[in-house]
């Protein structure tokens, strides 16, 4: 796969950027958990996980379409409807001027800028939005409401009756965009690296295939704690490098970027993700062992030739160590094998 979006693959692609931060003050060993072949040290994978035959993997076409639709739903196009009445639950773009005793009050007007509200969803004064129902775009009309008491937004208005003169500009209907190269380029390339609709669909299918092998794999024991800790440490190390690059205090960066106030909180909150990633890593290793896959120096050179158009991987070697790089390439190779083996029905 071009991008697995797994932790190790992401870090590998980011290596040059991280190296640019300079030498680390405290040495973190990315290769510490791996042996010379890029497999987990002192962990017999067959004691933990049993993987299915790749011929058993199936991905439903309908699931691919649902995943595509979930992307489309994140970036809807808006159609401005002006030829029907407002219905309950509609999103409506309106302008309004509010008055108390015939006098406009501060904060009670859109100033002609328009605002979009959704009936039954947007938090407005009780009774305000339901009075839009039945009116047409282009209409101007008055509605009567009473401010709640207490009213923390403006205590001076608490309990007072008000008249709002409403103009309905249009009804905003979301319509799904078309799944094509333009959509992928505009919305998915920067995040996922996909450049065409066909590539994006193939990557979605590959992701579903990986989910399928995880679902069909059985774990006889909990994943080793050292793998979970290592993956968490690795994620934190990447954040520490970014914090240095942006000249930020680590806890401040962590809270801004992840929402966790400190490292201890992050470790606890990240445990489920690290455990899931550990399962994938163990499945990849089990598959590599089953297929007799090992990564040679020629494989490493070929990988970096494709990645950077250069076989020089010395900077990566110094930063990550050979075992980590072998593990990373092995994971991507197994991910591609899974994607290529799955049956789409």
C-alpha atoms as a PDB file:
ATOM      1  CA  UNK A   1       0.000   0.000   0.000  1.00  0.00           C
ATOM      2  CA  UNK A   2       1.166   3.521  -0.701  1.00  0.00           C
ATOM      3  CA  UNK A   3       0.059   4.661   2.756  1.00  0.00           C
ATOM      4  CA  UNK A   4      -0.973   2.352   5.574  1.00  0.00           C
ATOM      5  CA  UNK A   5      -1.460   5.213   8.054  1.00  0.00           C
ATOM      6  CA  UNK A   6      -0.089   2.953  10.732  1.00  0.00           C
ATOM      7  CA  UNK A   7       2.069   4.644  13.332  1.00  0.00           C
ATOM      8  CA  UNK A   8       5.387   3.236  12.183  1.00  0.00           C
ATOM      9  CA  UNK A   9       4.761   4.006   8.515  1.00  0.00           C
ATOM     10  CA  UNK A  10       3.820   7.587   9.317  1.00  0.00           C
ATOM     11  CA  UNK A  11       6.950   8.096  11.377  1.00  0.00           C
ATOM     12  CA  UNK A  12       9.110   6.606   8.673  1.00  0.00           C
ATOM     13  CA  UNK A  13       7.797   9.048   6.089  1.00  0.00           C
ATOM     14  CA  UNK A  14       8.368  11.900   8.553  1.00  0.00           C
ATOM     15  CA  UNK A  15      11.913  10.923   9.413  1.00  0.00           C
ATOM     16  CA  UNK A  16      13.706  13.694   7.520  1.00  0.00           C
ATOM     17  CA  UNK A  17      11.481  16.345   9.057  1.00  0.00           C
ATOM     18  CA  UNK A  18      12.131  14.980  12.511  1.00  0.00           C
ATOM     19  CA  UNK A  19      15.844  14.668  11.910  1.00  0.00           C
ATOM     20  CA  UNK A  20      15.861  18.331  10.950  1.00  0.00           C
ATOM     21  CA  UNK A  21      15.037  19.121  14.557  1.00  0.00           C
ATOM     22  CA  UNK A  22      18.624  18.232  15.420  1.00  0.00           C
ATOM     23  CA  UNK A  23      20.111  15.609  17.685  1.00  0.00           C
ATOM     24  CA  UNK A  24      17.827  14.559  20.514  1.00  0.00           C
ATOM     25  CA  UNK A  25      18.944  15.520  24.005  1.00  0.00           C
ATOM     26  CA  UNK A  26      17.761  12.161  25.319  1.00  0.00           C
ATOM     27  CA  UNK A  27      18.331   9.132  23.116  1.00  0.00           C
ATOM     28  CA  UNK A  28      15.194   7.225  22.194  1.00  0.00           C
ATOM     29  CA  UNK A  29      15.730   3.869  20.548  1.00  0.00           C
ATOM     30  CA  UNK A  30      13.130   3.151  17.887  1.00  0.00           C
ATOM     31  CA  UNK A  31      14.763  -0.231  17.282  1.00  0.00           C
ATOM     32  CA  UNK A  32      14.838  -1.379  20.916  1.00  0.00           C
ATOM     33  CA  UNK A  33      11.906  -3.777  20.649  1.00  0.00           C
ATOM     34  CA  UNK A  34      12.998  -5.433  17.389  1.00  0.00           C
ATOM     35  CA  UNK A  35      15.611  -8.045  16.574  1.00  0.00           C
ATOM     36  CA  UNK A  36      18.004  -7.831  13.621  1.00  0.00           C
ATOM     37  CA  UNK A  37      15.269  -8.994  11.221  1.00  0.00           C
ATOM     38  CA  UNK A  38      12.700  -6.445  12.369  1.00  0.00           C
ATOM     39  CA  UNK A  39      10.642  -8.909  14.428  1.00  0.00           C
ATOM     40  CA  UNK A  40       9.657  -8.458  18.058  1.00  0.00           C
ATOM     41  CA  UNK A  41      12.366  -9.641  20.429  1.00  0.00           C
ATOM     42  CA  UNK A  42      11.640 -12.526  22.793  1.00  0.00           C
ATOM     43  CA  UNK A  43       8.000 -12.749  21.751  1.00  0.00           C
ATOM     44  CA  UNK A  44       6.695 -15.947  20.157  1.00  0.00           C
ATOM     45  CA  UNK A  45       3.877 -14.577  18.028  1.00  0.00           C
ATOM     46  CA  UNK A  46       2.243 -17.985  17.555  1.00  0.00           C
ATOM     47  CA  UNK A  47       1.601 -18.089  21.307  1.00  0.00           C
ATOM     48  CA  UNK A  48      -0.566 -15.008  20.978  1.00  0.00           C
ATOM     49  CA  UNK A  49      -2.316 -14.858  17.619  1.00  0.00           C
ATOM     50  CA  UNK A  50      -3.708 -17.195  14.989  1.00  0.00           C
ATOM     51  CA  UNK A  51      -4.359 -15.597  11.627  1.00  0.00           C
ATOM     52  CA  UNK A  52      -6.751 -16.799   8.922  1.00  0.00           C
ATOM     53  CA  UNK A  53      -5.807 -17.893   5.445  1.00  0.00           C
ATOM     54  CA  UNK A  54      -5.709 -14.890   3.143  1.00  0.00           C
ATOM     55  CA  UNK A  55      -8.077 -16.729   0.802  1.00  0.00           C
ATOM     56  CA  UNK A  56     -10.743 -16.401   3.510  1.00  0.00           C
ATOM     57  CA  UNK A  57     -10.693 -12.597   3.451  1.00  0.00           C
ATOM     58  CA  UNK A  58     -13.673 -10.881   1.881  1.00  0.00           C
ATOM     59  CA  UNK A  59     -14.668  -7.234   1.579  1.00  0.00           C
ATOM     60  CA  UNK A  60     -18.176  -6.301   0.569  1.00  0.00           C
ATOM     61  CA  UNK A  61     -18.629  -3.810  -2.249  1.00  0.00           C
ATOM     62  CA  UNK A  62     -21.409  -2.251  -0.172  1.00  0.00           C
ATOM     63  CA  UNK A  63     -18.954  -1.593   2.671  1.00  0.00           C
ATOM     64  CA  UNK A  64     -16.598   0.185   0.266  1.00  0.00           C
ATOM     65  CA  UNK A  65     -19.494   2.343  -0.917  1.00  0.00           C
ATOM     66  CA  UNK A  66     -20.482   3.142   2.675  1.00  0.00           C
ATOM     67  CA  UNK A  67     -16.913   4.213   3.472  1.00  0.00           C
ATOM     68  CA  UNK A  68     -16.847   6.406   0.377  1.00  0.00           C
ATOM     69  CA  UNK A  69     -20.173   7.913   1.367  1.00  0.00           C
ATOM     70  CA  UNK A  70     -18.820   8.709   4.825  1.00  0.00           C
ATOM     71  CA  UNK A  71     -16.088  10.790   3.173  1.00  0.00           C
ATOM     72  CA  UNK A  72     -18.612  12.509   0.915  1.00  0.00           C
ATOM     73  CA  UNK A  73     -20.803  13.340   3.920  1.00  0.00           C
ATOM     74  CA  UNK A  74     -17.927  15.241   5.491  1.00  0.00           C
ATOM     75  CA  UNK A  75     -17.815  17.705   2.592  1.00  0.00           C
ATOM     76  CA  UNK A  76     -21.374  18.315   1.412  1.00  0.00           C
ATOM     77  CA  UNK A  77     -22.223  20.882  -1.213  1.00  0.00           C
ATOM     78  CA  UNK A  78     -24.935  23.387  -0.280  1.00  0.00           C
ATOM     79  CA  UNK A  79     -27.899  23.970  -2.536  1.00  0.00           C
ATOM     80  CA  UNK A  80     -29.821  27.219  -1.993  1.00  0.00           C
ATOM     81  CA  UNK A  81     -33.517  26.391  -2.256  1.00  0.00           C
ATOM     82  CA  UNK A  82     -35.987  29.256  -2.747  1.00  0.00           C
ATOM     83  CA  UNK A  83     -39.096  27.611  -4.222  1.00  0.00           C
ATOM     84  CA  UNK A  84     -40.711  25.918  -1.237  1.00  0.00           C
ATOM     85  CA  UNK A  85     -41.826  26.623   2.311  1.00  0.00           C
ATOM     86  CA  UNK A  86     -39.616  26.001   5.327  1.00  0.00           C
ATOM     87  CA  UNK A  87     -40.175  22.632   6.989  1.00  0.00           C
ATOM     88  CA  UNK A  88     -39.369  21.446  10.478  1.00  0.00           C
ATOM     89  CA  UNK A  89     -35.672  20.402  10.750  1.00  0.00           C
ATOM     90  CA  UNK A  90     -34.654  22.516   7.722  1.00  0.00           C
ATOM     91  CA  UNK A  91     -31.455  24.527   7.730  1.00  0.00           C
ATOM     92  CA  UNK A  92     -32.412  28.106   6.841  1.00  0.00           C
ATOM     93  CA  UNK A  93     -30.338  31.192   6.125  1.00  0.00           C
ATOM     94  CA  UNK A  94     -32.014  34.225   7.662  1.00  0.00           C
ATOM     95  CA  UNK A  95     -31.513  37.850   8.577  1.00  0.00           C
ATOM     96  CA  UNK A  96     -33.266  39.442  11.498  1.00  0.00           C
ATOM     97  CA  UNK A  97     -33.593  42.597  13.586  1.00  0.00           C
ATOM     98  CA  UNK A  98     -34.781  42.277  17.177  1.00  0.00           C
ATOM     99  CA  UNK A  99     -36.617  45.041  19.039  1.00  0.00           C
ATOM    100  CA  UNK A 100     -37.916  45.549  22.552  1.00  0.00           C
ATOM    101  CA  UNK A 101     -40.626  48.193  22.922  1.00  0.00           C
ATOM    102  CA  UNK A 102     -39.908  49.167  19.312  1.00  0.00           C
ATOM    103  CA  UNK A 103     -36.203  49.828  19.924  1.00  0.00           C
ATOM    104  CA  UNK A 104     -33.458  47.651  18.413  1.00  0.00           C
ATOM    105  CA  UNK A 105     -31.081  46.228  21.030  1.00  0.00           C
ATOM    106  CA  UNK A 106     -27.397  45.357  20.889  1.00  0.00           C
ATOM    107  CA  UNK A 107     -26.696  41.853  19.619  1.00  0.00           C
ATOM    108  CA  UNK A 108     -30.212  41.423  18.286  1.00  0.00           C
ATOM    109  CA  UNK A 109     -29.440  41.767  14.586  1.00  0.00           C
ATOM    110  CA  UNK A 110     -27.523  39.900  11.888  1.00  0.00           C
ATOM    111  CA  UNK A 111     -26.633  43.276  10.330  1.00  0.00           C
ATOM    112  CA  UNK A 112     -27.510  41.922   6.917  1.00  0.00           C
ATOM    113  CA  UNK A 113     -24.756  39.318   7.067  1.00  0.00           C
ATOM    114  CA  UNK A 114     -27.109  36.346   7.199  1.00  0.00           C
ATOM    115  CA  UNK A 115     -26.874  33.361   9.531  1.00  0.00           C
ATOM    116  CA  UNK A 116     -27.798  29.740   8.953  1.00  0.00           C
ATOM    117  CA  UNK A 117     -29.856  27.989  11.613  1.00  0.00           C
ATOM    118  CA  UNK A 118     -31.273  24.487  11.803  1.00  0.00           C
ATOM    119  CA  UNK A 119     -34.767  24.169  13.235  1.00  0.00           C
ATOM    120  CA  UNK A 120     -34.786  21.837  16.192  1.00  0.00           C
ATOM    121  CA  UNK A 121     -31.002  21.823  16.446  1.00  0.00           C
ATOM    122  CA  UNK A 122     -29.621  25.368  16.699  1.00  0.00           C
ATOM    123  CA  UNK A 123     -29.871  26.800  20.208  1.00  0.00           C
ATOM    124  CA  UNK A 124     -32.072  29.873  20.018  1.00  0.00           C
ATOM    125  CA  UNK A 125     -34.696  31.482  22.244  1.00  0.00           C
ATOM    126  CA  UNK A 126     -37.595  29.096  22.855  1.00  0.00           C
ATOM    127  CA  UNK A 127     -40.219  29.505  20.147  1.00  0.00           C
ATOM    128  CA  UNK A 128     -37.959  31.454  17.780  1.00  0.00           C
ATOM    129  CA  UNK A 129     -37.092  28.867  15.147  1.00  0.00           C
ATOM    130  CA  UNK A 130     -40.424  26.990  14.985  1.00  0.00           C
ATOM    131  CA  UNK A 131     -42.071  30.216  13.818  1.00  0.00           C
ATOM    132  CA  UNK A 132     -40.028  30.028  10.595  1.00  0.00           C
ATOM    133  CA  UNK A 133     -41.888  26.902   9.500  1.00  0.00           C
ATOM    134  CA  UNK A 134     -44.361  27.504   6.684  1.00  0.00           C
ATOM    135  CA  UNK A 135     -42.756  30.704   5.448  1.00  0.00           C
ATOM    136  CA  UNK A 136     -41.039  31.026   2.070  1.00  0.00           C
ATOM    137  CA  UNK A 137     -37.623  32.379   1.073  1.00  0.00           C
ATOM    138  CA  UNK A 138     -37.988  36.056   0.216  1.00  0.00           C
ATOM    139  CA  UNK A 139     -40.635  36.662   2.901  1.00  0.00           C
ATOM    140  CA  UNK A 140     -40.174  39.248   5.637  1.00  0.00           C
ATOM    141  CA  UNK A 141     -42.346  38.867   8.734  1.00  0.00           C
ATOM    142  CA  UNK A 142     -42.409  39.397  12.498  1.00  0.00           C
ATOM    143  CA  UNK A 143     -42.213  36.776  15.228  1.00  0.00           C
ATOM    144  CA  UNK A 144     -42.808  37.277  18.936  1.00  0.00           C
ATOM    145  CA  UNK A 145     -40.688  35.685  21.640  1.00  0.00           C
ATOM    146  CA  UNK A 146     -39.878  36.195  25.302  1.00  0.00           C
ATOM    147  CA  UNK A 147     -36.337  36.019  26.602  1.00  0.00           C
ATOM    148  CA  UNK A 148     -35.824  33.432  29.324  1.00  0.00           C
ATOM    149  CA  UNK A 149     -35.319  34.487  32.908  1.00  0.00           C
ATOM    150  CA  UNK A 150     -32.517  34.253  33.878  1.00  0.00           C
ATOM    151  CA  UNK A 151     -30.718  34.980  30.591  1.00  0.00           C
ATOM    152  CA  UNK A 152     -26.983  34.739  31.132  1.00  0.00           C
ATOM    153  CA  UNK A 153     -26.052  36.030  27.647  1.00  0.00           C
ATOM    154  CA  UNK A 154     -27.500  39.441  28.507  1.00  0.00           C
ATOM    155  CA  UNK A 155     -29.150  39.791  31.930  1.00  0.00           C
ATOM    156  CA  UNK A 156     -30.744  43.105  30.855  1.00  0.00           C
ATOM    157  CA  UNK A 157     -32.983  41.178  28.432  1.00  0.00           C
ATOM    158  CA  UNK A 158     -34.094  38.517  30.904  1.00  0.00           C
ATOM    159  CA  UNK A 159     -37.849  37.929  30.866  1.00  0.00           C
ATOM    160  CA  UNK A 160     -38.569  40.675  28.320  1.00  0.00           C
ATOM    161  CA  UNK A 161     -40.846  40.215  25.284  1.00  0.00           C
ATOM    162  CA  UNK A 162     -39.250  40.961  21.919  1.00  0.00           C
ATOM    163  CA  UNK A 163     -40.275  41.236  18.287  1.00  0.00           C
ATOM    164  CA  UNK A 164     -37.900  39.952  15.614  1.00  0.00           C
ATOM    165  CA  UNK A 165     -38.353  41.004  12.001  1.00  0.00           C
ATOM    166  CA  UNK A 166     -37.228  38.003   9.978  1.00  0.00           C
ATOM    167  CA  UNK A 167     -36.178  37.749   6.332  1.00  0.00           C
ATOM    168  CA  UNK A 168     -35.726  34.251   4.984  1.00  0.00           C
ATOM    169  CA  UNK A 169     -32.928  34.259   2.430  1.00  0.00           C
ATOM    170  CA  UNK A 170     -32.910  30.606   1.408  1.00  0.00           C
ATOM    171  CA  UNK A 171     -33.270  27.050   2.605  1.00  0.00           C
ATOM    172  CA  UNK A 172     -29.867  25.328   2.724  1.00  0.00           C
ATOM    173  CA  UNK A 173     -29.976  21.732   1.509  1.00  0.00           C
ATOM    174  CA  UNK A 174     -26.884  19.565   1.738  1.00  0.00           C
ATOM    175  CA  UNK A 175     -26.209  17.455  -1.324  1.00  0.00           C
ATOM    176  CA  UNK A 176     -23.465  14.894  -1.601  1.00  0.00           C
ATOM    177  CA  UNK A 177     -20.645  15.786  -3.980  1.00  0.00           C
ATOM    178  CA  UNK A 178     -19.620  13.383  -6.717  1.00  0.00           C
ATOM    179  CA  UNK A 179     -16.892  10.843  -5.954  1.00  0.00           C
ATOM    180  CA  UNK A 180     -14.308  11.742  -8.571  1.00  0.00           C
ATOM    181  CA  UNK A 181     -10.709  12.879  -8.953  1.00  0.00           C
ATOM    182  CA  UNK A 182     -11.623  16.501  -8.224  1.00  0.00           C
ATOM    183  CA  UNK A 183     -13.262  15.577  -4.913  1.00  0.00           C
ATOM    184  CA  UNK A 184     -10.305  13.441  -3.835  1.00  0.00           C
ATOM    185  CA  UNK A 185      -7.798  16.126  -4.811  1.00  0.00           C
ATOM    186  CA  UNK A 186      -9.709  18.860  -2.989  1.00  0.00           C
ATOM    187  CA  UNK A 187     -10.440  17.017   0.250  1.00  0.00           C
ATOM    188  CA  UNK A 188      -8.433  13.813   0.706  1.00  0.00           C
ATOM    189  CA  UNK A 189      -5.002  14.307  -0.835  1.00  0.00           C
ATOM    190  CA  UNK A 190      -3.615  16.490   1.941  1.00  0.00           C
ATOM    191  CA  UNK A 191      -4.674  14.055   4.671  1.00  0.00           C
ATOM    192  CA  UNK A 192      -4.329  10.642   3.049  1.00  0.00           C
ATOM    193  CA  UNK A 193      -2.058  11.235   0.072  1.00  0.00           C
ATOM    194  CA  UNK A 194      -4.621   9.834  -2.374  1.00  0.00           C
ATOM    195  CA  UNK A 195      -4.567  11.641  -5.704  1.00  0.00           C
ATOM    196  CA  UNK A 196      -7.320   9.956  -7.719  1.00  0.00           C
ATOM    197  CA  UNK A 197     -10.734   8.474  -7.022  1.00  0.00           C
ATOM    198  CA  UNK A 198      -9.541   5.045  -8.155  1.00  0.00           C
ATOM    199  CA  UNK A 199      -6.540   5.158  -5.830  1.00  0.00           C
ATOM    200  CA  UNK A 200      -8.702   6.303  -2.924  1.00  0.00           C
ATOM    201  CA  UNK A 201     -11.172   3.477  -3.509  1.00  0.00           C
ATOM    202  CA  UNK A 202      -8.343   0.950  -3.649  1.00  0.00           C
ATOM    203  CA  UNK A 203      -6.966   2.264  -0.359  1.00  0.00           C
ATOM    204  CA  UNK A 204     -10.419   2.069   1.232  1.00  0.00           C
ATOM    205  CA  UNK A 205     -10.712  -1.545   0.099  1.00  0.00           C
ATOM    206  CA  UNK A 206      -7.240  -2.237   1.502  1.00  0.00           C
ATOM    207  CA  UNK A 207      -8.179  -0.683   4.845  1.00  0.00           C
ATOM    208  CA  UNK A 208     -11.310  -2.831   5.007  1.00  0.00           C
ATOM    209  CA  UNK A 209      -9.187  -5.879   4.167  1.00  0.00           C
ATOM    210  CA  UNK A 210      -6.934  -5.129   7.133  1.00  0.00           C
ATOM    211  CA  UNK A 211      -9.990  -4.773   9.348  1.00  0.00           C
ATOM    212  CA  UNK A 212     -11.206  -8.119   8.023  1.00  0.00           C
ATOM    213  CA  UNK A 213      -8.004  -9.944   8.912  1.00  0.00           C
ATOM    214  CA  UNK A 214      -8.066  -8.398  12.382  1.00  0.00           C
ATOM    215  CA  UNK A 215     -11.676  -9.532  12.832  1.00  0.00           C
ATOM    216  CA  UNK A 216     -10.823 -13.093  11.733  1.00  0.00           C
ATOM    217  CA  UNK A 217      -7.622 -13.352  13.793  1.00  0.00           C
ATOM    218  CA  UNK A 218      -7.870 -14.861  17.247  1.00  0.00           C
ATOM    219  CA  UNK A 219      -5.747 -13.792  20.209  1.00  0.00           C
ATOM    220  CA  UNK A 220      -5.165 -16.472  22.821  1.00  0.00           C
ATOM    221  CA  UNK A 221      -3.650 -13.973  25.253  1.00  0.00           C
ATOM    222  CA  UNK A 222      -3.616 -10.246  25.807  1.00  0.00           C
ATOM    223  CA  UNK A 223      -1.084  -8.429  23.664  1.00  0.00           C
ATOM    224  CA  UNK A 224       2.268  -8.048  25.412  1.00  0.00           C
ATOM    225  CA  UNK A 225       2.396  -4.929  27.531  1.00  0.00           C
ATOM    226  CA  UNK A 226       5.870  -4.101  26.252  1.00  0.00           C
ATOM    227  CA  UNK A 227       4.516  -3.664  22.716  1.00  0.00           C
ATOM    228  CA  UNK A 228       1.712  -1.396  23.928  1.00  0.00           C
ATOM    229  CA  UNK A 229       4.202   0.650  25.937  1.00  0.00           C
ATOM    230  CA  UNK A 230       6.628   0.823  23.036  1.00  0.00           C
ATOM    231  CA  UNK A 231       3.993   2.079  20.590  1.00  0.00           C
ATOM    232  CA  UNK A 232       2.877   4.690  23.111  1.00  0.00           C
ATOM    233  CA  UNK A 233       6.470   5.752  23.717  1.00  0.00           C
ATOM    234  CA  UNK A 234       7.014   6.022  19.970  1.00  0.00           C
ATOM    235  CA  UNK A 235       3.980   8.243  19.510  1.00  0.00           C
ATOM    236  CA  UNK A 236       5.055  10.453  22.404  1.00  0.00           C
ATOM    237  CA  UNK A 237       8.563  10.701  20.968  1.00  0.00           C
ATOM    238  CA  UNK A 238       7.169  12.034  17.701  1.00  0.00           C
ATOM    239  CA  UNK A 239       5.194  14.657  19.634  1.00  0.00           C
ATOM    240  CA  UNK A 240       8.302  15.636  21.583  1.00  0.00           C
ATOM    241  CA  UNK A 241      10.173  16.185  18.326  1.00  0.00           C
ATOM    242  CA  UNK A 242       7.349  18.309  16.977  1.00  0.00           C
ATOM    243  CA  UNK A 243       7.207  20.329  20.205  1.00  0.00           C
ATOM    244  CA  UNK A 244      10.920  21.045  19.848  1.00  0.00           C
ATOM    245  CA  UNK A 245      10.493  21.997  16.211  1.00  0.00           C
ATOM    246  CA  UNK A 246       7.786  24.509  17.144  1.00  0.00           C
ATOM    247  CA  UNK A 247       9.707  25.657  20.235  1.00  0.00           C
ATOM    248  CA  UNK A 248       6.801  24.692  22.506  1.00  0.00           C
ATOM    249  CA  UNK A 249       6.720  23.265  26.020  1.00  0.00           C
ATOM    250  CA  UNK A 250       5.867  19.583  25.572  1.00  0.00           C
ATOM    251  CA  UNK A 251       2.792  19.562  27.835  1.00  0.00           C
ATOM    252  CA  UNK A 252       1.446  22.632  26.040  1.00  0.00           C
ATOM    253  CA  UNK A 253       1.939  20.993  22.650  1.00  0.00           C
ATOM    254  CA  UNK A 254       0.375  17.752  23.876  1.00  0.00           C
ATOM    255  CA  UNK A 255      -2.707  19.523  25.215  1.00  0.00           C
ATOM    256  CA  UNK A 256      -3.096  21.608  22.065  1.00  0.00           C
ATOM    257  CA  UNK A 257      -2.607  18.728  19.651  1.00  0.00           C
ATOM    258  CA  UNK A 258      -4.248  15.801  21.517  1.00  0.00           C
ATOM    259  CA  UNK A 259      -6.373  17.363  24.251  1.00  0.00           C
ATOM    260  CA  UNK A 260      -4.501  15.505  27.011  1.00  0.00           C
ATOM    261  CA  UNK A 261      -3.068  17.760  29.691  1.00  0.00           C
ATOM    262  CA  UNK A 262       0.106  15.763  30.320  1.00  0.00           C
ATOM    263  CA  UNK A 263       1.974  12.590  29.407  1.00  0.00           C
ATOM    264  CA  UNK A 264       0.311  10.454  32.087  1.00  0.00           C
ATOM    265  CA  UNK A 265      -3.153  11.392  30.832  1.00  0.00           C
ATOM    266  CA  UNK A 266      -2.103  10.683  27.249  1.00  0.00           C
ATOM    267  CA  UNK A 267      -0.752   7.247  28.140  1.00  0.00           C
ATOM    268  CA  UNK A 268      -4.028   6.280  29.761  1.00  0.00           C
ATOM    269  CA  UNK A 269      -6.180   7.683  26.959  1.00  0.00           C
ATOM    270  CA  UNK A 270      -4.004   6.221  24.186  1.00  0.00           C
ATOM    271  CA  UNK A 271      -3.975   2.694  25.592  1.00  0.00           C
ATOM    272  CA  UNK A 272      -6.853   1.410  23.441  1.00  0.00           C
ATOM    273  CA  UNK A 273      -5.315   2.788  20.240  1.00  0.00           C
ATOM    274  CA  UNK A 274      -1.882   1.396  21.097  1.00  0.00           C
ATOM    275  CA  UNK A 275      -3.420  -2.005  21.840  1.00  0.00           C
ATOM    276  CA  UNK A 276      -5.207  -2.024  18.487  1.00  0.00           C
ATOM    277  CA  UNK A 277      -2.000  -1.009  16.672  1.00  0.00           C
ATOM    278  CA  UNK A 278      -0.131  -3.738  18.576  1.00  0.00           C
ATOM    279  CA  UNK A 279      -2.600  -6.329  17.286  1.00  0.00           C
ATOM    280  CA  UNK A 280      -2.055  -5.200  13.716  1.00  0.00           C
ATOM    281  CA  UNK A 281       1.713  -5.328  14.191  1.00  0.00           C
ATOM    282  CA  UNK A 282       1.512  -8.850  15.583  1.00  0.00           C
ATOM    283  CA  UNK A 283      -0.724  -9.963  12.703  1.00  0.00           C
ATOM    284  CA  UNK A 284       1.741  -8.534  10.181  1.00  0.00           C
ATOM    285  CA  UNK A 285       4.606 -10.367  11.865  1.00  0.00           C
ATOM    286  CA  UNK A 286       2.623 -13.617  11.980  1.00  0.00           C
ATOM    287  CA  UNK A 287       1.888 -13.251   8.274  1.00  0.00           C
ATOM    288  CA  UNK A 288       5.539 -12.474   7.485  1.00  0.00           C
ATOM    289  CA  UNK A 289       6.669 -15.528   9.446  1.00  0.00           C
ATOM    290  CA  UNK A 290       4.082 -17.699   7.695  1.00  0.00           C
ATOM    291  CA  UNK A 291       5.221 -16.465   4.279  1.00  0.00           C
ATOM    292  CA  UNK A 292       8.916 -16.545   5.125  1.00  0.00           C
ATOM    293  CA  UNK A 293       9.233 -12.832   4.447  1.00  0.00           C
ATOM    294  CA  UNK A 294      12.431 -11.070   5.464  1.00  0.00           C
ATOM    295  CA  UNK A 295      13.722  -7.639   4.521  1.00  0.00           C
ATOM    296  CA  UNK A 296      17.160  -7.400   2.936  1.00  0.00           C
ATOM    297  CA  UNK A 297      19.365  -4.363   2.410  1.00  0.00           C
ATOM    298  CA  UNK A 298      18.381  -4.423  -1.259  1.00  0.00           C
ATOM    299  CA  UNK A 299      14.734  -4.228  -0.180  1.00  0.00           C
ATOM    300  CA  UNK A 300      15.564  -1.216   1.979  1.00  0.00           C
ATOM    301  CA  UNK A 301      17.337   0.553  -0.873  1.00  0.00           C
ATOM    302  CA  UNK A 302      14.421  -0.146  -3.211  1.00  0.00           C
ATOM    303  CA  UNK A 303      11.970   1.188  -0.648  1.00  0.00           C
ATOM    304  CA  UNK A 304      13.818   4.452  -0.222  1.00  0.00           C
ATOM    305  CA  UNK A 305      14.363   4.751  -3.952  1.00  0.00           C
ATOM    306  CA  UNK A 306      10.573   4.751  -4.339  1.00  0.00           C
ATOM    307  CA  UNK A 307      10.019   6.969  -1.300  1.00  0.00           C
ATOM    308  CA  UNK A 308      12.670   9.616  -1.937  1.00  0.00           C
ATOM    309  CA  UNK A 309      14.006   8.804  -5.396  1.00  0.00           C
ATOM    310  CA  UNK A 310      17.302   7.961  -3.729  1.00  0.00           C
ATOM    311  CA  UNK A 311      18.820   4.783  -2.337  1.00  0.00           C
ATOM    312  CA  UNK A 312      20.612   6.763   0.358  1.00  0.00           C
ATOM    313  CA  UNK A 313      18.933   5.839   3.623  1.00  0.00           C
ATOM    314  CA  UNK A 314      21.802   6.721   5.970  1.00  0.00           C
ATOM    315  CA  UNK A 315      19.856   9.541   7.636  1.00  0.00           C
ATOM    316  CA  UNK A 316      17.004   7.175   8.421  1.00  0.00           C
ATOM    317  CA  UNK A 317      19.433   4.501   9.602  1.00  0.00           C
ATOM    318  CA  UNK A 318      21.080   6.897  12.037  1.00  0.00           C
ATOM    319  CA  UNK A 319      17.747   8.134  13.352  1.00  0.00           C
ATOM    320  CA  UNK A 320      15.724   4.914  13.580  1.00  0.00           C
ATOM    321  CA  UNK A 321      18.158   2.019  13.379  1.00  0.00           C
ATOM    322  CA  UNK A 322      18.070  -0.890  10.933  1.00  0.00           C
ATOM    323  CA  UNK A 323      15.661  -3.155  12.885  1.00  0.00           C
ATOM    324  CA  UNK A 324      12.989  -0.450  13.007  1.00  0.00           C
ATOM    325  CA  UNK A 325      13.322   0.245   9.289  1.00  0.00           C
ATOM    326  CA  UNK A 326      13.062  -3.449   8.474  1.00  0.00           C
ATOM    327  CA  UNK A 327       9.939  -3.715  10.634  1.00  0.00           C
ATOM    328  CA  UNK A 328       8.398  -0.708   8.923  1.00  0.00           C
ATOM    329  CA  UNK A 329       8.995  -2.054   5.432  1.00  0.00           C
ATOM    330  CA  UNK A 330       7.834  -5.515   6.465  1.00  0.00           C
ATOM    331  CA  UNK A 331       4.568  -4.071   7.815  1.00  0.00           C
ATOM    332  CA  UNK A 332       3.919  -2.186   4.603  1.00  0.00           C
ATOM    333  CA  UNK A 333       4.749  -5.276   2.563  1.00  0.00           C
ATOM    334  CA  UNK A 334       2.309  -7.412   4.570  1.00  0.00           C
ATOM    335  CA  UNK A 335      -0.343  -4.719   4.361  1.00  0.00           C
ATOM    336  CA  UNK A 336      -0.016  -4.762   0.582  1.00  0.00           C
ATOM    337  CA  UNK A 337      -0.177  -8.556   0.566  1.00  0.00           C
ATOM    338  CA  UNK A 338      -3.435  -8.451   2.519  1.00  0.00           C
ATOM    339  CA  UNK A 339      -4.885  -5.847   0.148  1.00  0.00           C
ATOM    340  CA  UNK A 340      -3.868  -7.824  -2.925  1.00  0.00           C
ATOM    341  CA  UNK A 341      -5.293 -11.075  -1.558  1.00  0.00           C
ATOM    342  CA  UNK A 342      -8.748  -9.939  -0.503  1.00  0.00           C
ATOM    343  CA  UNK A 343     -11.850 -10.848  -2.470  1.00  0.00           C
ATOM    344  CA  UNK A 344     -14.358  -8.052  -3.101  1.00  0.00           C
ATOM    345  CA  UNK A 345     -17.945  -9.317  -3.303  1.00  0.00           C
END
